Amino acid sequence: NILEKLPQEKTWNGHIHLAMAPTKMMERVEWMAEKA
């Protein structure tokens, strides 16, 4: 059951779009996506 709605404010402006070619080692892409 929902008790309270808590709207959040984004901590950056605009729209950050990263486009990259994936590496041979998928775990490195996953690491980057996690940290980003």
Full PDB file with SEQRES, HELIX, SHEET, SSBOND, CRYST1, ORIGX, SCALE, CONECT and MASTER records, all heavy atoms in Angstrom:
SEQRES   1 A   36  ASN ILE LEU GLU LYS LEU PRO GLN GLU LYS THR TRP ASN          
SEQRES   2 A   36  GLY HIS ILE HIS LEU ALA MET ALA PRO THR LYS MET MET          
SEQRES   3 A   36  GLU ARG VAL GLU TRP MET ALA GLU LYS ALA                      
HELIX    1 AA1 MET A   26  LYS A   35  1                                  10    
CRYST1    1.000    1.000    1.000  90.00  90.00  90.00 P 1           1          
ORIGX1      1.000000  0.000000  0.000000        0.00000                         
ORIGX2      0.000000  1.000000  0.000000        0.00000                         
ORIGX3      0.000000  0.000000  1.000000        0.00000                         
SCALE1      1.000000  0.000000  0.000000        0.00000                         
SCALE2      0.000000  1.000000  0.000000        0.00000                         
SCALE3      0.000000  0.000000  1.000000        0.00000                         
ATOM      1  N   ASN A   1       0.858  -1.184   0.000  1.00  0.00           N  
ATOM      2  CA  ASN A   1       0.000   0.000   0.000  1.00  0.00           C  
ATOM      3  C   ASN A   1       0.892   1.231   0.000  1.00  0.00           C  
ATOM      4  O   ASN A   1       1.851   1.305   0.773  1.00  0.00           O  
ATOM      5  CB  ASN A   1      -0.897   0.040   1.247  1.00  0.00           C  
ATOM      6  CG  ASN A   1      -1.948  -1.042   1.237  1.00  0.00           C  
ATOM      7  OD1 ASN A   1      -2.486  -1.409   0.198  1.00  0.00           O  
ATOM      8  ND2 ASN A   1      -2.248  -1.579   2.423  1.00  0.00           N  
ATOM      9  N   ILE A   2       0.595   2.189  -0.881  1.00  0.00           N  
ATOM     10  CA  ILE A   2       1.363   3.425  -0.920  1.00  0.00           C  
ATOM     11  C   ILE A   2       0.889   4.359   0.179  1.00  0.00           C  
ATOM     12  O   ILE A   2      -0.312   4.606   0.336  1.00  0.00           O  
ATOM     13  CB  ILE A   2       1.238   4.099  -2.296  1.00  0.00           C  
ATOM     14  CG1 ILE A   2       1.966   3.259  -3.358  1.00  0.00           C  
ATOM     15  CG2 ILE A   2       1.807   5.523  -2.269  1.00  0.00           C  
ATOM     16  CD1 ILE A   2       1.841   3.799  -4.759  1.00  0.00           C  
ATOM     17  N   LEU A   3       1.837   4.886   0.965  1.00  0.00           N  
ATOM     18  CA  LEU A   3       1.521   5.797   2.060  1.00  0.00           C  
ATOM     19  C   LEU A   3       1.799   7.252   1.708  1.00  0.00           C  
ATOM     20  O   LEU A   3       1.115   8.153   2.200  1.00  0.00           O  
ATOM     21  CB  LEU A   3       2.343   5.423   3.300  1.00  0.00           C  
ATOM     22  CG  LEU A   3       2.191   3.996   3.819  1.00  0.00           C  
ATOM     23  CD1 LEU A   3       3.126   3.765   4.998  1.00  0.00           C  
ATOM     24  CD2 LEU A   3       0.744   3.706   4.211  1.00  0.00           C  
ATOM     25  N   GLU A   4       2.808   7.472   0.851  1.00  0.00           N  
ATOM     26  CA  GLU A   4       3.211   8.850   0.572  1.00  0.00           C  
ATOM     27  C   GLU A   4       3.933   8.913  -0.765  1.00  0.00           C  
ATOM     28  O   GLU A   4       4.771   8.058  -1.080  1.00  0.00           O  
ATOM     29  CB  GLU A   4       4.133   9.353   1.683  1.00  0.00           C  
ATOM     30  CG  GLU A   4       4.539  10.804   1.564  1.00  0.00           C  
ATOM     31  CD  GLU A   4       5.439  11.237   2.715  1.00  0.00           C  
ATOM     32  OE1 GLU A   4       5.820  10.369   3.541  1.00  0.00           O  
ATOM     33  OE2 GLU A   4       5.771  12.437   2.784  1.00  0.00           O  
ATOM     34  N   LYS A   5       3.592   9.920  -1.559  1.00  0.00           N  
ATOM     35  CA  LYS A   5       4.276  10.181  -2.833  1.00  0.00           C  
ATOM     36  C   LYS A   5       5.394  11.191  -2.580  1.00  0.00           C  
ATOM     37  O   LYS A   5       5.174  12.223  -1.964  1.00  0.00           O  
ATOM     38  CB  LYS A   5       3.289  10.727  -3.864  1.00  0.00           C  
ATOM     39  CG  LYS A   5       3.890  10.985  -5.234  1.00  0.00           C  
ATOM     40  CD  LYS A   5       2.820  11.471  -6.205  1.00  0.00           C  
ATOM     41  CE  LYS A   5       3.390  11.730  -7.595  1.00  0.00           C  
ATOM     42  NZ  LYS A   5       2.343  12.186  -8.551  1.00  0.00           N  
ATOM     43  N   LEU A   6       6.604  10.897  -3.084  1.00  0.00           N  
ATOM     44  CA  LEU A   6       7.770  11.737  -2.809  1.00  0.00           C  
ATOM     45  C   LEU A   6       8.453  12.134  -4.117  1.00  0.00           C  
ATOM     46  O   LEU A   6       9.453  11.517  -4.527  1.00  0.00           O  
ATOM     47  CB  LEU A   6       8.761  10.979  -1.911  1.00  0.00           C  
ATOM     48  CG  LEU A   6       8.218  10.479  -0.569  1.00  0.00           C  
ATOM     49  CD1 LEU A   6       9.189   9.511   0.076  1.00  0.00           C  
ATOM     50  CD2 LEU A   6       7.930  11.653   0.353  1.00  0.00           C  
ATOM     51  N   PRO A   7       7.951  13.162  -4.811  1.00  0.00           N  
ATOM     52  CA  PRO A   7       8.585  13.607  -6.065  1.00  0.00           C  
ATOM     53  C   PRO A   7      10.024  14.055  -5.809  1.00  0.00           C  
ATOM     54  O   PRO A   7      10.309  14.702  -4.798  1.00  0.00           O  
ATOM     55  CB  PRO A   7       7.707  14.779  -6.519  1.00  0.00           C  
ATOM     56  CG  PRO A   7       6.408  14.593  -5.787  1.00  0.00           C  
ATOM     57  CD  PRO A   7       6.776  13.980  -4.481  1.00  0.00           C  
ATOM     58  N   GLN A   8      10.936  13.706  -6.721  1.00  0.00           N  
ATOM     59  CA  GLN A   8      12.340  14.055  -6.591  1.00  0.00           C  
ATOM     60  C   GLN A   8      12.736  15.099  -7.644  1.00  0.00           C  
ATOM     61  O   GLN A   8      12.096  15.210  -8.686  1.00  0.00           O  
ATOM     62  CB  GLN A   8      13.216  12.808  -6.773  1.00  0.00           C  
ATOM     63  CG  GLN A   8      12.866  11.672  -5.817  1.00  0.00           C  
ATOM     64  CD  GLN A   8      13.124  12.025  -4.376  1.00  0.00           C  
ATOM     65  OE1 GLN A   8      14.259  12.322  -4.004  1.00  0.00           O  
ATOM     66  NE2 GLN A   8      12.083  11.986  -3.543  1.00  0.00           N  
ATOM     67  N   GLU A   9      13.781  15.839  -7.357  1.00  0.00           N  
ATOM     68  CA  GLU A   9      14.311  16.808  -8.310  1.00  0.00           C  
ATOM     69  C   GLU A   9      15.624  16.273  -8.880  1.00  0.00           C  
ATOM     70  O   GLU A   9      16.521  15.888  -8.131  1.00  0.00           O  
ATOM     71  CB  GLU A   9      14.551  18.156  -7.642  1.00  0.00           C  
ATOM     72  CG  GLU A   9      15.075  19.222  -8.598  1.00  0.00           C  
ATOM     73  CD  GLU A   9      15.268  20.559  -7.922  1.00  0.00           C  
ATOM     74  OE1 GLU A   9      14.931  20.673  -6.726  1.00  0.00           O  
ATOM     75  OE2 GLU A   9      15.781  21.477  -8.585  1.00  0.00           O  
ATOM     76  N   LYS A  10      15.722  16.234 -10.206  1.00  0.00           N  
ATOM     77  CA  LYS A  10      16.944  15.740 -10.828  1.00  0.00           C  
ATOM     78  C   LYS A  10      18.103  16.665 -10.468  1.00  0.00           C  
ATOM     79  O   LYS A  10      17.945  17.882 -10.426  1.00  0.00           O  
ATOM     80  CB  LYS A  10      16.771  15.663 -12.350  1.00  0.00           C  
ATOM     81  CG  LYS A  10      17.827  14.817 -13.030  1.00  0.00           C  
ATOM     82  CD  LYS A  10      17.440  14.409 -14.443  1.00  0.00           C  
ATOM     83  CE  LYS A  10      17.441  15.583 -15.395  1.00  0.00           C  
ATOM     84  NZ  LYS A  10      17.368  15.136 -16.810  1.00  0.00           N  
ATOM     85  N   THR A  11      19.253  16.107 -10.205  1.00  0.00           N  
ATOM     86  CA  THR A  11      20.383  16.895  -9.725  1.00  0.00           C  
ATOM     87  C   THR A  11      21.249  17.449 -10.848  1.00  0.00           C  
ATOM     88  O   THR A  11      22.316  18.007 -10.602  1.00  0.00           O  
ATOM     89  CB  THR A  11      21.263  16.053  -8.779  1.00  0.00           C  
ATOM     90  OG1 THR A  11      21.709  14.874  -9.470  1.00  0.00           O  
ATOM     91  CG2 THR A  11      20.484  15.649  -7.540  1.00  0.00           C  
ATOM     92  N   TRP A  12      20.820  17.292 -12.092  1.00  0.00           N  
ATOM     93  CA  TRP A  12      21.516  17.904 -13.211  1.00  0.00           C  
ATOM     94  C   TRP A  12      20.491  18.429 -14.212  1.00  0.00           C  
ATOM     95  O   TRP A  12      19.346  18.007 -14.236  1.00  0.00           O  
ATOM     96  CB  TRP A  12      22.481  16.922 -13.883  1.00  0.00           C  
ATOM     97  CG  TRP A  12      21.843  15.743 -14.552  1.00  0.00           C  
ATOM     98  CD1 TRP A  12      21.499  15.612 -15.875  1.00  0.00           C  
ATOM     99  CD2 TRP A  12      21.495  14.482 -13.941  1.00  0.00           C  
ATOM    100  NE1 TRP A  12      20.959  14.368 -16.125  1.00  0.00           N  
ATOM    101  CE2 TRP A  12      20.944  13.659 -14.957  1.00  0.00           C  
ATOM    102  CE3 TRP A  12      21.593  13.977 -12.639  1.00  0.00           C  
ATOM    103  CZ2 TRP A  12      20.496  12.365 -14.708  1.00  0.00           C  
ATOM    104  CZ3 TRP A  12      21.145  12.689 -12.401  1.00  0.00           C  
ATOM    105  CH2 TRP A  12      20.617  11.896 -13.420  1.00  0.00           C  
ATOM    106  N   ASN A  13      20.938  19.385 -15.007  1.00  0.00           N  
ATOM    107  CA  ASN A  13      20.083  19.971 -16.033  1.00  0.00           C  
ATOM    108  C   ASN A  13      20.199  19.205 -17.344  1.00  0.00           C  
ATOM    109  O   ASN A  13      21.126  18.426 -17.551  1.00  0.00           O  
ATOM    110  CB  ASN A  13      20.480  21.438 -16.282  1.00  0.00           C  
ATOM    111  CG  ASN A  13      20.242  22.313 -15.072  1.00  0.00           C  
ATOM    112  OD1 ASN A  13      19.148  22.346 -14.517  1.00  0.00           O  
ATOM    113  ND2 ASN A  13      21.275  23.025 -14.637  1.00  0.00           N  
ATOM    114  N   GLY A  14      19.246  19.459 -18.230  1.00  0.00           N  
ATOM    115  CA  GLY A  14      19.356  18.963 -19.594  1.00  0.00           C  
ATOM    116  C   GLY A  14      19.259  17.462 -19.736  1.00  0.00           C  
ATOM    117  O   GLY A  14      18.647  16.757 -18.926  1.00  0.00           O  
ATOM    118  N   HIS A  15      19.935  16.955 -20.775  1.00  0.00           N  
ATOM    119  CA  HIS A  15      19.847  15.534 -21.137  1.00  0.00           C  
ATOM    120  C   HIS A  15      21.239  15.056 -21.530  1.00  0.00           C  
ATOM    121  O   HIS A  15      21.823  15.530 -22.501  1.00  0.00           O  
ATOM    122  CB  HIS A  15      18.877  15.367 -22.309  1.00  0.00           C  
ATOM    123  CG  HIS A  15      18.580  13.946 -22.655  1.00  0.00           C  
ATOM    124  ND1 HIS A  15      17.554  13.230 -22.063  1.00  0.00           N  
ATOM    125  CD2 HIS A  15      19.172  13.089 -23.522  1.00  0.00           C  
ATOM    126  CE1 HIS A  15      17.520  12.008 -22.561  1.00  0.00           C  
ATOM    127  NE2 HIS A  15      18.503  11.895 -23.448  1.00  0.00           N  
ATOM    128  N   ILE A  16      21.782  14.122 -20.766  1.00  0.00           N  
ATOM    129  CA  ILE A  16      23.113  13.579 -21.015  1.00  0.00           C  
ATOM    130  C   ILE A  16      22.981  12.254 -21.755  1.00  0.00           C  
ATOM    131  O   ILE A  16      22.456  11.281 -21.216  1.00  0.00           O  
ATOM    132  CB  ILE A  16      23.870  13.377 -19.690  1.00  0.00           C  
ATOM    133  CG1 ILE A  16      24.071  14.728 -18.984  1.00  0.00           C  
ATOM    134  CG2 ILE A  16      25.213  12.694 -19.937  1.00  0.00           C  
ATOM    135  CD1 ILE A  16      24.684  14.607 -17.602  1.00  0.00           C  
ATOM    136  N   HIS A  17      23.459  12.215 -22.991  1.00  0.00           N  
ATOM    137  CA  HIS A  17      23.323  11.033 -23.845  1.00  0.00           C  
ATOM    138  C   HIS A  17      24.714  10.537 -24.224  1.00  0.00           C  
ATOM    139  O   HIS A  17      25.495  11.242 -24.860  1.00  0.00           O  
ATOM    140  CB  HIS A  17      22.527  11.397 -25.103  1.00  0.00           C  
ATOM    141  CG  HIS A  17      22.183  10.211 -25.963  1.00  0.00           C  
ATOM    142  ND1 HIS A  17      21.403  10.313 -27.093  1.00  0.00           N  
ATOM    143  CD2 HIS A  17      22.497   8.890 -25.860  1.00  0.00           C  
ATOM    144  CE1 HIS A  17      21.256   9.123 -27.650  1.00  0.00           C  
ATOM    145  NE2 HIS A  17      21.922   8.243 -26.916  1.00  0.00           N  
ATOM    146  N   LEU A  18      25.026   9.320 -23.828  1.00  0.00           N  
ATOM    147  CA  LEU A  18      26.283   8.674 -24.181  1.00  0.00           C  
ATOM    148  C   LEU A  18      26.011   7.605 -25.227  1.00  0.00           C  
ATOM    149  O   LEU A  18      25.154   6.742 -25.032  1.00  0.00           O  
ATOM    150  CB  LEU A  18      26.922   8.040 -22.946  1.00  0.00           C  
ATOM    151  CG  LEU A  18      28.179   7.212 -23.197  1.00  0.00           C  
ATOM    152  CD1 LEU A  18      29.342   8.103 -23.598  1.00  0.00           C  
ATOM    153  CD2 LEU A  18      28.534   6.392 -21.960  1.00  0.00           C  
ATOM    154  N   ALA A  19      26.750   7.642 -26.333  1.00  0.00           N  
ATOM    155  CA  ALA A  19      26.652   6.605 -27.361  1.00  0.00           C  
ATOM    156  C   ALA A  19      28.031   5.991 -27.533  1.00  0.00           C  
ATOM    157  O   ALA A  19      29.001   6.703 -27.818  1.00  0.00           O  
ATOM    158  CB  ALA A  19      26.154   7.196 -28.676  1.00  0.00           C  
ATOM    159  N   MET A  20      28.129   4.679 -27.332  1.00  0.00           N  
ATOM    160  CA  MET A  20      29.441   4.034 -27.384  1.00  0.00           C  
ATOM    161  C   MET A  20      29.374   2.708 -28.118  1.00  0.00           C  
ATOM    162  O   MET A  20      28.319   2.058 -28.178  1.00  0.00           O  
ATOM    163  CB  MET A  20      29.970   3.792 -25.968  1.00  0.00           C  
ATOM    164  CG  MET A  20      29.150   2.807 -25.157  1.00  0.00           C  
ATOM    165  SD  MET A  20      29.873   2.400 -23.543  1.00  0.00           S  
ATOM    166  CE  MET A  20      31.312   1.425 -24.020  1.00  0.00           C  
ATOM    167  N   ALA A  21      30.495   2.326 -28.688  1.00  0.00           N  
ATOM    168  CA  ALA A  21      30.612   0.997 -29.287  1.00  0.00           C  
ATOM    169  C   ALA A  21      30.987   0.017 -28.180  1.00  0.00           C  
ATOM    170  O   ALA A  21      31.953   0.255 -27.458  1.00  0.00           O  
ATOM    171  CB  ALA A  21      31.679   1.004 -30.379  1.00  0.00           C  
ATOM    172  N   PRO A  22      30.229  -1.065 -28.001  1.00  0.00           N  
ATOM    173  CA  PRO A  22      30.536  -2.000 -26.910  1.00  0.00           C  
ATOM    174  C   PRO A  22      31.863  -2.711 -27.134  1.00  0.00           C  
ATOM    175  O   PRO A  22      32.287  -2.940 -28.261  1.00  0.00           O  
ATOM    176  CB  PRO A  22      29.353  -2.982 -26.947  1.00  0.00           C  
ATOM    177  CG  PRO A  22      28.809  -2.874 -28.332  1.00  0.00           C  
ATOM    178  CD  PRO A  22      29.041  -1.470 -28.769  1.00  0.00           C  
ATOM    179  N   THR A  23      32.533  -3.040 -26.038  1.00  0.00           N  
ATOM    180  CA  THR A  23      33.815  -3.731 -26.106  1.00  0.00           C  
ATOM    181  C   THR A  23      33.606  -5.240 -26.257  1.00  0.00           C  
ATOM    182  O   THR A  23      32.500  -5.755 -26.095  1.00  0.00           O  
ATOM    183  CB  THR A  23      34.627  -3.466 -24.833  1.00  0.00           C  
ATOM    184  OG1 THR A  23      33.947  -4.053 -23.718  1.00  0.00           O  
ATOM    185  CG2 THR A  23      34.770  -1.971 -24.582  1.00  0.00           C  
ATOM    186  N   LYS A  24      34.690  -5.946 -26.534  1.00  0.00           N  
ATOM    187  CA  LYS A  24      34.618  -7.410 -26.636  1.00  0.00           C  
ATOM    188  C   LYS A  24      34.253  -8.036 -25.289  1.00  0.00           C  
ATOM    189  O   LYS A  24      33.583  -9.066 -25.233  1.00  0.00           O  
ATOM    190  CB  LYS A  24      35.959  -7.965 -27.114  1.00  0.00           C  
ATOM    191  CG  LYS A  24      36.359  -7.543 -28.522  1.00  0.00           C  
ATOM    192  CD  LYS A  24      37.731  -8.078 -28.858  1.00  0.00           C  
ATOM    193  CE  LYS A  24      38.194  -7.608 -30.230  1.00  0.00           C  
ATOM    194  NZ  LYS A  24      39.564  -8.077 -30.556  1.00  0.00           N  
ATOM    195  N   MET A  25      34.726  -7.425 -24.205  1.00  0.00           N  
ATOM    196  CA  MET A  25      34.469  -7.954 -22.860  1.00  0.00           C  
ATOM    197  C   MET A  25      33.265  -7.240 -22.276  1.00  0.00           C  
ATOM    198  O   MET A  25      33.336  -6.076 -21.869  1.00  0.00           O  
ATOM    199  CB  MET A  25      35.704  -7.748 -21.976  1.00  0.00           C  
ATOM    200  CG  MET A  25      36.934  -8.474 -22.496  1.00  0.00           C  
ATOM    201  SD  MET A  25      38.408  -8.162 -21.489  1.00  0.00           S  
ATOM    202  CE  MET A  25      37.916  -8.927 -19.937  1.00  0.00           C  
ATOM    203  N   MET A  26      32.131  -7.934 -22.222  1.00  0.00           N  
ATOM    204  CA  MET A  26      30.877  -7.321 -21.827  1.00  0.00           C  
ATOM    205  C   MET A  26      30.909  -6.826 -20.385  1.00  0.00           C  
ATOM    206  O   MET A  26      30.251  -5.834 -20.049  1.00  0.00           O  
ATOM    207  CB  MET A  26      29.735  -8.333 -22.003  1.00  0.00           C  
ATOM    208  CG  MET A  26      28.372  -7.692 -22.028  1.00  0.00           C  
ATOM    209  SD  MET A  26      28.229  -6.498 -23.380  1.00  0.00           S  
ATOM    210  CE  MET A  26      27.010  -5.393 -22.723  1.00  0.00           C  
ATOM    211  N   GLU A  27      31.713  -7.454 -19.535  1.00  0.00           N  
ATOM    212  CA  GLU A  27      31.748  -7.029 -18.144  1.00  0.00           C  
ATOM    213  C   GLU A  27      32.305  -5.610 -18.015  1.00  0.00           C  
ATOM    214  O   GLU A  27      31.956  -4.889 -17.074  1.00  0.00           O  
ATOM    215  CB  GLU A  27      32.562  -8.005 -17.278  1.00  0.00           C  
ATOM    216  CG  GLU A  27      33.999  -8.188 -17.678  1.00  0.00           C  
ATOM    217  CD  GLU A  27      34.195  -9.361 -18.633  1.00  0.00           C  
ATOM    218  OE1 GLU A  27      33.245  -9.704 -19.348  1.00  0.00           O  
ATOM    219  OE2 GLU A  27      35.313  -9.921 -18.645  1.00  0.00           O  
ATOM    220  N   ARG A  28      33.127  -5.195 -18.943  1.00  0.00           N  
ATOM    221  CA  ARG A  28      33.650  -3.830 -18.905  1.00  0.00           C  
ATOM    222  C   ARG A  28      32.565  -2.824 -19.264  1.00  0.00           C  
ATOM    223  O   ARG A  28      32.509  -1.723 -18.706  1.00  0.00           O  
ATOM    224  CB  ARG A  28      34.854  -3.705 -19.844  1.00  0.00           C  
ATOM    225  CG  ARG A  28      36.116  -4.316 -19.249  1.00  0.00           C  
ATOM    226  CD  ARG A  28      37.190  -4.633 -20.236  1.00  0.00           C  
ATOM    227  NE  ARG A  28      37.491  -3.541 -21.148  1.00  0.00           N  
ATOM    228  CZ  ARG A  28      38.367  -3.638 -22.150  1.00  0.00           C  
ATOM    229  NH1 ARG A  28      39.018  -4.779 -22.345  1.00  0.00           N  
ATOM    230  NH2 ARG A  28      38.591  -2.612 -22.950  1.00  0.00           N  
ATOM    231  N   VAL A  29      31.690  -3.183 -20.201  1.00  0.00           N  
ATOM    232  CA  VAL A  29      30.556  -2.321 -20.539  1.00  0.00           C  
ATOM    233  C   VAL A  29      29.601  -2.236 -19.355  1.00  0.00           C  
ATOM    234  O   VAL A  29      29.080  -1.163 -19.024  1.00  0.00           O  
ATOM    235  CB  VAL A  29      29.820  -2.854 -21.784  1.00  0.00           C  
ATOM    236  CG1 VAL A  29      28.591  -2.000 -22.096  1.00  0.00           C  
ATOM    237  CG2 VAL A  29      30.754  -2.872 -22.988  1.00  0.00           C  
ATOM    238  N   GLU A  30      29.360  -3.371 -18.707  1.00  0.00           N  
ATOM    239  CA  GLU A  30      28.473  -3.391 -17.544  1.00  0.00           C  
ATOM    240  C   GLU A  30      29.039  -2.523 -16.424  1.00  0.00           C  
ATOM    241  O   GLU A  30      28.295  -1.800 -15.752  1.00  0.00           O  
ATOM    242  CB  GLU A  30      28.267  -4.828 -17.073  1.00  0.00           C  
ATOM    243  CG  GLU A  30      27.504  -5.684 -18.085  1.00  0.00           C  
ATOM    244  CD  GLU A  30      27.480  -7.154 -17.703  1.00  0.00           C  
ATOM    245  OE1 GLU A  30      28.191  -7.526 -16.743  1.00  0.00           O  
ATOM    246  OE2 GLU A  30      26.761  -7.919 -18.366  1.00  0.00           O  
ATOM    247  N   TRP A  31      30.344  -2.589 -16.215  1.00  0.00           N  
ATOM    248  CA  TRP A  31      30.992  -1.753 -15.193  1.00  0.00           C  
ATOM    249  C   TRP A  31      30.782  -0.278 -15.517  1.00  0.00           C  
ATOM    250  O   TRP A  31      30.428   0.510 -14.637  1.00  0.00           O  
ATOM    251  CB  TRP A  31      32.481  -2.080 -15.146  1.00  0.00           C  
ATOM    252  CG  TRP A  31      33.262  -1.178 -14.230  1.00  0.00           C  
ATOM    253  CD1 TRP A  31      33.450  -1.309 -12.884  1.00  0.00           C  
ATOM    254  CD2 TRP A  31      33.953   0.028 -14.614  1.00  0.00           C  
ATOM    255  NE1 TRP A  31      34.213  -0.274 -12.411  1.00  0.00           N  
ATOM    256  CE2 TRP A  31      34.542   0.562 -13.437  1.00  0.00           C  
ATOM    257  CE3 TRP A  31      34.136   0.691 -15.826  1.00  0.00           C  
ATOM    258  CZ2 TRP A  31      35.292   1.731 -13.443  1.00  0.00           C  
ATOM    259  CZ3 TRP A  31      34.885   1.856 -15.839  1.00  0.00           C  
ATOM    260  CH2 TRP A  31      35.455   2.367 -14.664  1.00  0.00           C  
ATOM    261  N   MET A  32      31.000   0.098 -16.772  1.00  0.00           N  
ATOM    262  CA  MET A  32      30.822   1.490 -17.168  1.00  0.00           C  
ATOM    263  C   MET A  32      29.385   1.939 -16.961  1.00  0.00           C  
ATOM    264  O   MET A  32      29.122   3.022 -16.416  1.00  0.00           O  
ATOM    265  CB  MET A  32      31.215   1.671 -18.640  1.00  0.00           C  
ATOM    266  CG  MET A  32      31.231   3.108 -19.151  1.00  0.00           C  
ATOM    267  SD  MET A  32      29.609   3.851 -19.440  1.00  0.00           S  
ATOM    268  CE  MET A  32      28.900   2.665 -20.587  1.00  0.00           C  
ATOM    269  N   ALA A  33      28.410   1.111 -17.360  1.00  0.00           N  
ATOM    270  CA  ALA A  33      27.002   1.468 -17.210  1.00  0.00           C  
ATOM    271  C   ALA A  33      26.632   1.630 -15.745  1.00  0.00           C  
ATOM    272  O   ALA A  33      25.874   2.539 -15.372  1.00  0.00           O  
ATOM    273  CB  ALA A  33      26.119   0.404 -17.866  1.00  0.00           C  
ATOM    274  N   GLU A  34      27.156   0.774 -14.898  1.00  0.00           N  
ATOM    275  CA  GLU A  34      26.893   0.871 -13.460  1.00  0.00           C  
ATOM    276  C   GLU A  34      27.424   2.178 -12.894  1.00  0.00           C  
ATOM    277  O   GLU A  34      26.704   2.914 -12.201  1.00  0.00           O  
ATOM    278  CB  GLU A  34      27.553  -0.303 -12.737  1.00  0.00           C  
ATOM    279  CG  GLU A  34      27.401  -0.261 -11.220  1.00  0.00           C  
ATOM    280  CD  GLU A  34      28.160  -1.380 -10.539  1.00  0.00           C  
ATOM    281  OE1 GLU A  34      29.417  -1.343 -10.575  1.00  0.00           O  
ATOM    282  OE2 GLU A  34      27.524  -2.283  -9.983  1.00  0.00           O  
ATOM    283  N   LYS A  35      28.680   2.498 -13.198  1.00  0.00           N  
ATOM    284  CA  LYS A  35      29.297   3.705 -12.631  1.00  0.00           C  
ATOM    285  C   LYS A  35      28.687   4.972 -13.221  1.00  0.00           C  
ATOM    286  O   LYS A  35      28.501   5.970 -12.498  1.00  0.00           O  
ATOM    287  CB  LYS A  35      30.809   3.686 -12.867  1.00  0.00           C  
ATOM    288  CG  LYS A  35      31.517   2.481 -12.268  1.00  0.00           C  
ATOM    289  CD  LYS A  35      31.121   2.274 -10.802  1.00  0.00           C  
ATOM    290  CE  LYS A  35      31.722   0.991 -10.232  1.00  0.00           C  
ATOM    291  NZ  LYS A  35      31.211   0.697  -8.871  1.00  0.00           N  
ATOM    292  N   ALA A  36      28.354   4.959 -14.505  1.00  0.00           N  
ATOM    293  CA  ALA A  36      27.726   6.131 -15.120  1.00  0.00           C  
ATOM    294  C   ALA A  36      26.355   6.388 -14.515  1.00  0.00           C  
ATOM    295  O   ALA A  36      25.944   7.542 -14.329  1.00  0.00           O  
ATOM    296  CB  ALA A  36      27.609   5.939 -16.632  1.00  0.00           C  
TER     297      ALA A  36                                                      
MASTER        0    0    0    1    0    0    0    6  296    1    0    3          
END                                                                             
